[in-house]
Structure formats: C-alpha cells, structure tokens
C-alpha atoms as a PDB file:
ATOM      1  CA  MET A   1      57.557 -22.190   8.865  1.00  0.00           C
ATOM      2  CA  THR A   2      56.342 -18.654   8.544  1.00  0.00           C
ATOM      3  CA  ASP A   3      57.496 -16.274  11.365  1.00  0.00           C
ATOM      4  CA  PHE A   4      54.777 -14.730  13.460  1.00  0.00           C
ATOM      5  CA  CYS A   5      52.337 -12.465  11.313  1.00  0.00           C
ATOM      6  CA  ASP A   6      50.745  -9.712  13.148  1.00  0.00           C
ATOM      7  CA  LYS A   7      48.561  -8.684  10.155  1.00  0.00           C
ATOM      8  CA  GLU A   8      44.808  -9.333  10.775  1.00  0.00           C
ATOM      9  CA  TYR A   9      44.549 -11.636   7.699  1.00  0.00           C
ATOM     10  CA  CYS A  10      47.716 -13.413   6.129  1.00  0.00           C
ATOM     11  CA  GLU A  11      46.885 -15.999   3.721  1.00  0.00           C
ATOM     12  CA  SER A  12      50.060 -17.994   4.189  1.00  0.00           C
ATOM     13  CA  CYS A  13      49.259 -18.157   7.968  1.00  0.00           C
ATOM     14  CA  GLU A  14      45.874 -19.497   6.953  1.00  0.00           C
ATOM     15  CA  MET A  15      47.411 -22.096   4.739  1.00  0.00           C
ATOM     16  CA  GLU A  16      49.675 -23.171   7.907  1.00  0.00           C
ATOM     17  CA  TYR A  17      46.569 -23.491   9.857  1.00  0.00           C
ATOM     18  CA  PHE A  18      44.703 -25.564   7.353  1.00  0.00           C
ATOM     19  CA  GLN A  19      47.977 -27.893   7.050  1.00  0.00           C
ATOM     20  CA  LEU A  20      47.783 -28.112  10.839  1.00  0.00           C
ATOM     21  CA  ILE A  21      44.162 -29.036  10.956  1.00  0.00           C
ATOM     22  CA  GLU A  22      44.637 -31.667   8.228  1.00  0.00           C
ATOM     23  CA  ALA A  23      47.676 -33.233  10.159  1.00  0.00           C
ATOM     24  CA  LEU A  24      45.440 -33.290  13.393  1.00  0.00           C
ATOM     25  CA  ILE A  25      42.444 -34.940  11.513  1.00  0.00           C
ATOM     26  CA  LEU A  26      44.876 -37.544  10.063  1.00  0.00           C
ATOM     27  CA  ASN A  27      46.082 -38.173  13.718  1.00  0.00           C
ATOM     28  CA  ILE A  28      42.301 -38.357  14.989  1.00  0.00           C
ATOM     29  CA  MET A  29      41.570 -40.939  12.081  1.00  0.00           C
ATOM     30  CA  HIS A  30      44.485 -43.001  12.931  1.00  0.00           C
ATOM     31  CA  LEU A  31      43.621 -43.022  16.574  1.00  0.00           C
ATOM     32  CA  GLU A  32      40.012 -43.917  15.907  1.00  0.00           C
ATOM     33  CA  SER A  33      41.136 -46.866  13.855  1.00  0.00           C
ATOM     34  CA  LYS A  34      43.194 -47.981  16.754  1.00  0.00           C
ATOM     35  CA  VAL A  35      40.522 -47.634  19.315  1.00  0.00           C
ATOM     36  CA  VAL A  36      37.912 -49.756  17.291  1.00  0.00           C
ATOM     37  CA  TYR A  37      40.655 -52.539  16.599  1.00  0.00           C
ATOM     38  CA  LEU A  38      41.699 -52.733  20.044  1.00  0.00           C
ATOM     39  CA  ARG A  39      37.970 -52.793  21.333  1.00  0.00           C
ATOM     40  CA  PHE A  40      37.313 -55.526  19.105  1.00  0.00           C
ATOM     41  CA  SER A  41      40.455 -57.551  19.866  1.00  0.00           C
ATOM     42  CA  LEU A  42      39.859 -57.079  23.632  1.00  0.00           C
ATOM     43  CA  SER A  43      36.275 -58.358  23.056  1.00  0.00           C
ATOM     44  CA  ASN A  44      37.741 -61.621  22.107  1.00  0.00           C
ATOM     45  CA  TYR A  45      38.996 -62.028  25.462  1.00  0.00           C
ATOM     46  CA  LEU A  46      35.697 -61.236  27.541  1.00  0.00           C
ATOM     47  CA  PRO A  47      32.792 -63.544  28.622  1.00  0.00           C
ATOM     48  CA  LEU A  48      30.293 -63.538  25.723  1.00  0.00           C
ATOM     49  CA  HIS A  49      27.492 -61.157  27.195  1.00  0.00           C
ATOM     50  CA  ARG A  50      30.265 -58.578  27.905  1.00  0.00           C
ATOM     51  CA  ALA A  51      31.643 -59.002  24.265  1.00  0.00           C
ATOM     52  CA  LYS A  52      28.371 -58.550  22.689  1.00  0.00           C
ATOM     53  CA  LEU A  53      28.039 -55.344  24.645  1.00  0.00           C
ATOM     54  CA  MET A  54      31.546 -54.081  23.796  1.00  0.00           C
ATOM     55  CA  ARG A  55      30.952 -54.790  20.145  1.00  0.00           C
ATOM     56  CA  SER A  56      27.665 -53.060  20.267  1.00  0.00           C
ATOM     57  CA  ASP A  57      29.185 -50.005  21.463  1.00  0.00           C
ATOM     58  CA  ILE A  58      32.565 -50.373  19.340  1.00  0.00           C
ATOM     59  CA  PHE A  59      32.273 -46.880  17.990  1.00  0.00           C
ATOM     60  CA  SER A  60      31.165 -44.955  20.984  1.00  0.00           C
ATOM     61  CA  ASP A  61      33.173 -41.759  22.048  1.00  0.00           C
ATOM     62  CA  LEU A  62      34.913 -41.655  18.688  1.00  0.00           C
ATOM     63  CA  SER A  63      35.340 -38.030  17.315  1.00  0.00           C
ATOM     64  CA  ALA A  64      32.731 -35.436  17.037  1.00  0.00           C
ATOM     65  CA  ASN A  65      31.721 -33.634  14.108  1.00  0.00           C
ATOM     66  CA  HIS A  66      33.028 -30.014  13.821  1.00  0.00           C
ATOM     67  CA  ILE A  67      31.658 -28.695  10.765  1.00  0.00           C
ATOM     68  CA  ASP A  68      29.541 -26.313  12.790  1.00  0.00           C
ATOM     69  CA  ARG A  69      32.615 -24.552  14.028  1.00  0.00           C
ATOM     70  CA  PRO A  70      33.436 -21.419  11.741  1.00  0.00           C
ATOM     71  CA  ALA A  71      37.354 -22.397  11.638  1.00  0.00           C
ATOM     72  CA  TYR A  72      36.712 -26.166  10.662  1.00  0.00           C
ATOM     73  CA  HIS A  73      34.077 -25.158   8.311  1.00  0.00           C
ATOM     74  CA  ARG A  74      36.368 -22.507   6.417  1.00  0.00           C
ATOM     75  CA  TYR A  75      38.978 -25.492   6.370  1.00  0.00           C
ATOM     76  CA  VAL A  76      36.592 -27.950   4.936  1.00  0.00           C
ATOM     77  CA  SER A  77      34.930 -25.108   2.351  1.00  0.00           C
ATOM     78  CA  ILE A  78      38.507 -23.875   1.098  1.00  0.00           C
ATOM     79  CA  TYR A  79      41.136 -26.545   1.815  1.00  0.00           C
ATOM     80  CA  CYS A  80      38.977 -29.634   1.168  1.00  0.00           C
ATOM     81  CA  ASP A  81      36.684 -28.426  -1.696  1.00  0.00           C
ATOM     82  CA  GLY A  82      33.629 -28.995   0.693  1.00  0.00           C
ATOM     83  CA  ASN A  83      34.286 -32.351   1.291  1.00  0.00           C
ATOM     84  CA  ASP A  84      34.706 -33.191   5.075  1.00  0.00           C
ATOM     85  CA  PRO A  85      37.668 -35.472   5.534  1.00  0.00           C
ATOM     86  CA  MET A  86      36.224 -36.987   8.337  1.00  0.00           C
ATOM     87  CA  ASP A  87      33.424 -38.297   6.472  1.00  0.00           C
ATOM     88  CA  ASP A  88      35.667 -40.162   4.348  1.00  0.00           C
ATOM     89  CA  ASN A  89      34.212 -43.193   2.839  1.00  0.00           C
ATOM     90  CA  ASN A  90      37.416 -45.068   2.944  1.00  0.00           C
ATOM     91  CA  HIS A  91      38.113 -44.378   6.585  1.00  0.00           C
ATOM     92  CA  CYS A  92      34.510 -45.266   7.324  1.00  0.00           C
ATOM     93  CA  LYS A  93      34.872 -48.665   5.600  1.00  0.00           C
ATOM     94  CA  LEU A  94      38.086 -49.294   7.191  1.00  0.00           C
ATOM     95  CA  LEU A  95      36.386 -48.655  10.839  1.00  0.00           C
ATOM     96  CA  MET A  96      33.494 -51.074   9.845  1.00  0.00           C
ATOM     97  CA  GLU A  97      36.107 -53.865   8.873  1.00  0.00           C
ATOM     98  CA  LEU A  98      38.110 -53.243  12.109  1.00  0.00           C
ATOM     99  CA  SER A  99      34.549 -53.498  13.965  1.00  0.00           C
ATOM    100  CA  LYS A 100      34.115 -56.930  12.602  1.00  0.00           C
ATOM    101  CA  GLY A 101      37.766 -58.231  12.746  1.00  0.00           C
ATOM    102  CA  GLU A 102      37.999 -58.395   8.998  1.00  0.00           C
ATOM    103  CA  THR A 103      41.379 -56.448   8.919  1.00  0.00           C
ATOM    104  CA  VAL A 104      44.144 -55.088  11.326  1.00  0.00           C
ATOM    105  CA  VAL A 105      46.123 -52.006  11.882  1.00  0.00           C
ATOM    106  CA  ASN A 106      49.747 -51.787  13.129  1.00  0.00           C
ATOM    107  CA  LEU A 107      49.702 -50.807  16.687  1.00  0.00           C
END
C-alpha cells in the first residue's frame, strides 16, 4: 500500500482508490445475491399471499446506481473502460435465477 500522499493529484493513489471501489462493488454484488436468495428462500415458508408479495418485491432496496457521482463516473470511465460493473449481465442473470429459485449461493 502506498504511504499517504499529499500531492493534489497522484496516479498511484488514484489507482488504489479504483481498487478499493472495485472491492466494494464486488462486496455489494455478493450481498445483493445473498439478499435475493434469502428473500426467495424465506418466501417458501410464508403463507401464499405473503409469499407472492415478497417475490414481487424481491429486488426492492438493492443498491442504487452511482454513475452520476463524479468519483464513480471517473472509476467507470478509466478503470472499467466505460462499462459499469454494477450493470454486469452475468450478475443480472444470477439475480434473476436466484429470484426464481433456479440456483443457490453459498451463505
């Protein structure tokens, strides 16, 4: 890890921030999959009308899009070549499969 840098702009510091953002995004995506999996699993133990409500709301309150924030936009533009990792097709597919009980995640 780089020691504290007091320069106004430091390329190695920026890279460390990008790596931190990447690690946090991976954690968010992992937690999202657990939330969807647990909501679906819980719905199997609820009365039918409540289970339907939970499954219809299975994606509620998952992470928000942060592309409008300057730091995140810079991360996506530079570190991710313009591809927002929170919009990853594989992750979206996984969440859809979890919401239908078609796959599981390790808790």
